[in-house]
Amino acid sequence: MIIAEQKRKENIIEYIIYIRQIQDIIRAVDFDIQALDKMIINEFTVSEKIKIKIRQWYADLIISMKEQKIEKEGDLDFINSLIDSLENLHNELLSNSEEYKHAELYRWAKPNIEEFRVLSGKTQSSDIRVCIDALHSLFLLRIKKENVSDETMQAMQTFSNLLAHIALKFREKENQISAGF
């Protein structure tokens, strides 16, 4: 909860990947809140009052995952909505001739996006979802301590660069909205 709130404010992509990691952990402990207490919640050096809020946050995620029937795989609805919003922003940036930096980052990432889309078997996935899926897959490979080729790391860097730019534009847009522009 504390980390998620901070990531949500700072970088929407890191937030999405963090929530995915939490979903993975919840699945790995078979939706057991006591296991999460031992593994995560009790590790926070915060007051008991804050720990109760953190525990409730995890319990709410567990309930949502079960209600949305994503016990085996998939993302929570609010994460899917965020990814859709990022995809819309990506398309807006591509259609804006003044956004040459975004177009260039996309040009570098596009062949890698297409390749990962085919390799993952998710041929209908949006560009942004493919990039997020790829970075999440890299995280899982690192946890398993599997070797990652230089070529794969270069492809991941193109995804990371594109997503970092989108995260920046997303934050700018949110700041404009909150400022009333």
Protein backbone atom coordinates (compact mmCIF):
# COMPACT_ATOMS: atom_id res chain seq x y z
CA MET A 1 0.00 0.00 0.00
CA ILE A 2 2.68 2.51 1.00
CA ILE A 3 4.97 1.56 -1.88
CA ALA A 4 2.05 1.36 -4.31
CA GLU A 5 0.84 4.85 -3.37
CA GLN A 6 4.32 6.28 -3.90
CA LYS A 7 4.81 4.51 -7.22
CA ARG A 8 1.37 5.66 -8.41
CA LYS A 9 2.38 9.28 -7.79
CA GLU A 10 5.83 8.99 -9.34
CA ASN A 11 5.66 6.58 -12.28
CA ILE A 12 2.51 4.90 -13.58
CA ILE A 13 4.46 2.13 -15.35
CA GLU A 14 6.35 1.18 -12.18
CA TYR A 15 3.02 1.20 -10.36
CA ILE A 16 1.44 -1.20 -12.86
CA ILE A 17 4.41 -3.56 -12.74
CA TYR A 18 4.44 -3.37 -8.94
CA ILE A 19 0.75 -4.30 -8.72
CA ARG A 20 1.42 -7.18 -11.11
CA GLN A 21 4.20 -8.36 -8.81
CA ILE A 22 1.82 -8.17 -5.85
CA GLN A 23 -0.74 -10.20 -7.81
CA ASP A 24 1.99 -12.79 -8.50
CA ILE A 25 2.89 -12.95 -4.81
CA ILE A 26 -0.76 -13.30 -3.78
CA ARG A 27 -1.13 -16.18 -6.23
CA ALA A 28 2.13 -17.77 -5.04
CA VAL A 29 0.89 -17.85 -1.43
CA ASP A 30 -2.48 -19.16 -2.60
CA PHE A 31 -4.38 -16.07 -1.42
CA ASP A 32 -3.32 -16.65 2.19
CA ILE A 33 -3.33 -13.37 4.13
CA GLN A 34 -1.38 -14.96 7.03
CA ALA A 35 1.43 -15.83 4.62
CA LEU A 36 1.42 -12.24 3.39
CA ASP A 37 1.59 -11.08 7.02
CA LYS A 38 4.76 -13.12 7.56
CA MET A 39 6.36 -12.37 4.19
CA ILE A 40 5.55 -8.72 3.69
CA ILE A 41 3.32 -6.88 6.13
CA ASN A 42 5.30 -7.63 9.29
CA GLU A 43 8.47 -6.46 7.54
CA PHE A 44 7.23 -2.87 7.46
CA THR A 45 8.65 -0.71 10.23
CA VAL A 46 5.49 1.28 10.78
CA SER A 47 2.92 1.62 13.54
CA GLU A 48 0.37 -1.13 14.16
CA LYS A 49 -2.32 1.23 12.89
CA ILE A 50 -0.53 1.49 9.51
CA LYS A 51 0.08 -2.28 9.44
CA ILE A 52 -3.66 -2.81 9.83
CA LYS A 53 -4.26 -0.54 6.82
CA ILE A 54 -1.62 -2.39 4.81
CA ARG A 55 -3.15 -5.74 5.75
CA GLN A 56 -6.59 -4.48 4.71
CA TRP A 57 -5.15 -3.29 1.38
CA TYR A 58 -3.79 -6.80 0.71
CA ALA A 59 -7.06 -8.38 1.85
CA ASP A 60 -8.98 -6.09 -0.51
CA LEU A 61 -6.70 -7.10 -3.39
CA ILE A 62 -7.32 -10.76 -2.58
CA ILE A 63 -11.08 -10.21 -2.59
CA SER A 64 -10.93 -8.26 -5.86
CA MET A 65 -8.81 -10.90 -7.55
CA LYS A 66 -11.26 -13.60 -6.53
CA GLU A 67 -14.31 -11.55 -7.52
CA GLN A 68 -12.76 -10.76 -10.91
CA LYS A 69 -11.82 -14.42 -11.35
CA ILE A 70 -8.13 -13.80 -11.95
CA GLU A 71 -6.83 -16.39 -9.51
CA LYS A 72 -4.61 -18.02 -12.14
CA GLU A 73 -3.69 -15.12 -14.40
CA GLY A 74 -4.72 -11.68 -15.54
CA ASP A 75 -4.82 -8.20 -14.13
CA LEU A 76 -7.22 -6.42 -11.86
CA ASP A 77 -9.75 -4.26 -13.70
CA PHE A 78 -8.19 -1.01 -12.53
CA ILE A 79 -4.82 -2.10 -13.95
CA ASN A 80 -6.45 -3.00 -17.27
CA SER A 81 -8.09 0.44 -17.31
CA LEU A 82 -4.76 2.14 -16.65
CA ILE A 83 -3.10 0.18 -19.45
CA ASP A 84 -5.95 1.15 -21.78
CA SER A 85 -5.47 4.81 -20.80
CA LEU A 86 -1.76 4.53 -21.52
CA GLU A 87 -2.48 2.95 -24.89
CA ASN A 88 -4.82 5.84 -25.72
CA LEU A 89 -2.13 8.32 -24.70
CA HIS A 90 0.41 6.41 -26.81
CA ASN A 91 -1.87 6.72 -29.85
CA GLU A 92 -2.46 10.43 -29.16
CA LEU A 93 1.28 11.00 -29.00
CA LEU A 94 1.84 9.09 -32.25
CA SER A 95 -0.78 11.18 -34.03
CA ASN A 96 0.75 14.46 -32.80
CA SER A 97 3.42 15.61 -35.27
CA GLU A 98 5.11 17.66 -32.53
CA GLU A 99 5.78 14.51 -30.49
CA TYR A 100 8.79 13.49 -32.55
CA LYS A 101 10.59 12.00 -29.52
CA HIS A 102 7.73 9.59 -28.88
CA ALA A 103 7.60 8.64 -32.55
CA GLU A 104 11.34 7.94 -32.51
CA LEU A 105 11.15 5.84 -29.33
CA TYR A 106 8.29 3.89 -30.85
CA ARG A 107 10.16 3.39 -34.12
CA TRP A 108 13.00 1.76 -32.14
CA ALA A 109 10.67 -0.39 -30.05
CA LYS A 110 8.19 -1.44 -32.75
CA PRO A 111 10.13 -4.40 -34.24
CA ASN A 112 10.74 -5.72 -30.73
CA ILE A 113 7.07 -5.23 -29.84
CA GLU A 114 6.05 -7.21 -32.91
CA GLU A 115 8.52 -9.99 -32.12
CA PHE A 116 7.44 -10.25 -28.47
CA ARG A 117 3.77 -10.16 -29.51
CA VAL A 118 4.36 -13.23 -31.71
CA LEU A 119 6.57 -15.05 -29.18
CA SER A 120 4.06 -14.52 -26.38
CA GLY A 121 1.14 -15.66 -28.52
CA LYS A 122 -0.78 -12.50 -27.62
CA THR A 123 -1.24 -11.26 -31.17
CA GLN A 124 -4.19 -9.04 -30.24
CA SER A 125 -2.44 -7.24 -27.37
CA SER A 126 -1.88 -3.50 -27.64
CA ASP A 127 1.63 -2.08 -27.98
CA ILE A 128 1.73 -0.78 -24.43
CA ARG A 129 0.41 -4.03 -22.95
CA VAL A 130 3.08 -5.94 -24.89
CA CYS A 131 5.81 -3.69 -23.49
CA ILE A 132 4.51 -4.05 -19.94
CA ASP A 133 4.13 -7.82 -20.37
CA ALA A 134 7.70 -8.03 -21.63
CA LEU A 135 9.15 -6.09 -18.71
CA HIS A 136 7.10 -8.17 -16.28
CA SER A 137 8.44 -11.32 -17.95
CA LEU A 138 11.98 -10.00 -17.52
CA PHE A 139 11.29 -9.49 -13.82
CA LEU A 140 10.09 -13.11 -13.53
CA LEU A 141 13.16 -14.40 -15.37
CA ARG A 142 15.42 -12.48 -13.00
CA ILE A 143 13.61 -13.92 -9.97
CA LYS A 144 14.22 -17.40 -11.38
CA LYS A 145 17.87 -16.37 -11.94
CA GLU A 146 17.64 -17.34 -15.59
CA ASN A 147 20.09 -15.96 -18.10
CA VAL A 148 18.82 -13.21 -20.37
CA SER A 149 20.57 -12.67 -23.69
CA ASP A 150 22.09 -9.32 -24.66
CA GLU A 151 19.66 -9.17 -27.57
CA THR A 152 16.70 -9.57 -25.22
CA MET A 153 18.11 -6.93 -22.89
CA GLN A 154 18.46 -4.52 -25.81
CA ALA A 155 14.84 -5.15 -26.77
CA MET A 156 13.76 -4.61 -23.17
CA GLN A 157 15.63 -1.32 -23.16
CA THR A 158 13.56 -0.11 -26.13
CA PHE A 159 10.39 -1.04 -24.22
CA SER A 160 11.65 0.67 -21.10
CA ASN A 161 12.54 3.86 -22.98
CA LEU A 162 9.14 4.02 -24.65
CA LEU A 163 7.28 3.34 -21.41
CA ALA A 164 9.37 5.88 -19.47
CA HIS A 165 8.38 8.54 -21.99
CA ILE A 166 4.71 7.56 -21.77
CA ALA A 167 4.89 7.62 -17.96
CA LEU A 168 6.31 11.14 -18.12
CA LYS A 169 3.58 12.30 -20.50
CA PHE A 170 0.93 10.60 -18.35
CA ARG A 171 2.15 12.44 -15.24
CA GLU A 172 2.23 15.74 -17.15
CA LYS A 173 -1.34 15.15 -18.28
CA GLU A 174 -2.48 14.27 -14.75
CA ASN A 175 -0.78 17.39 -13.38
CA GLN A 176 -2.56 19.53 -15.96
CA ILE A 177 -5.91 18.00 -15.05
CA SER A 178 -5.35 18.49 -11.32
CA ALA A 179 -4.24 22.09 -11.95
CA GLY A 180 -7.48 22.71 -13.81
CA PHE A 181 -6.14 23.18 -17.34
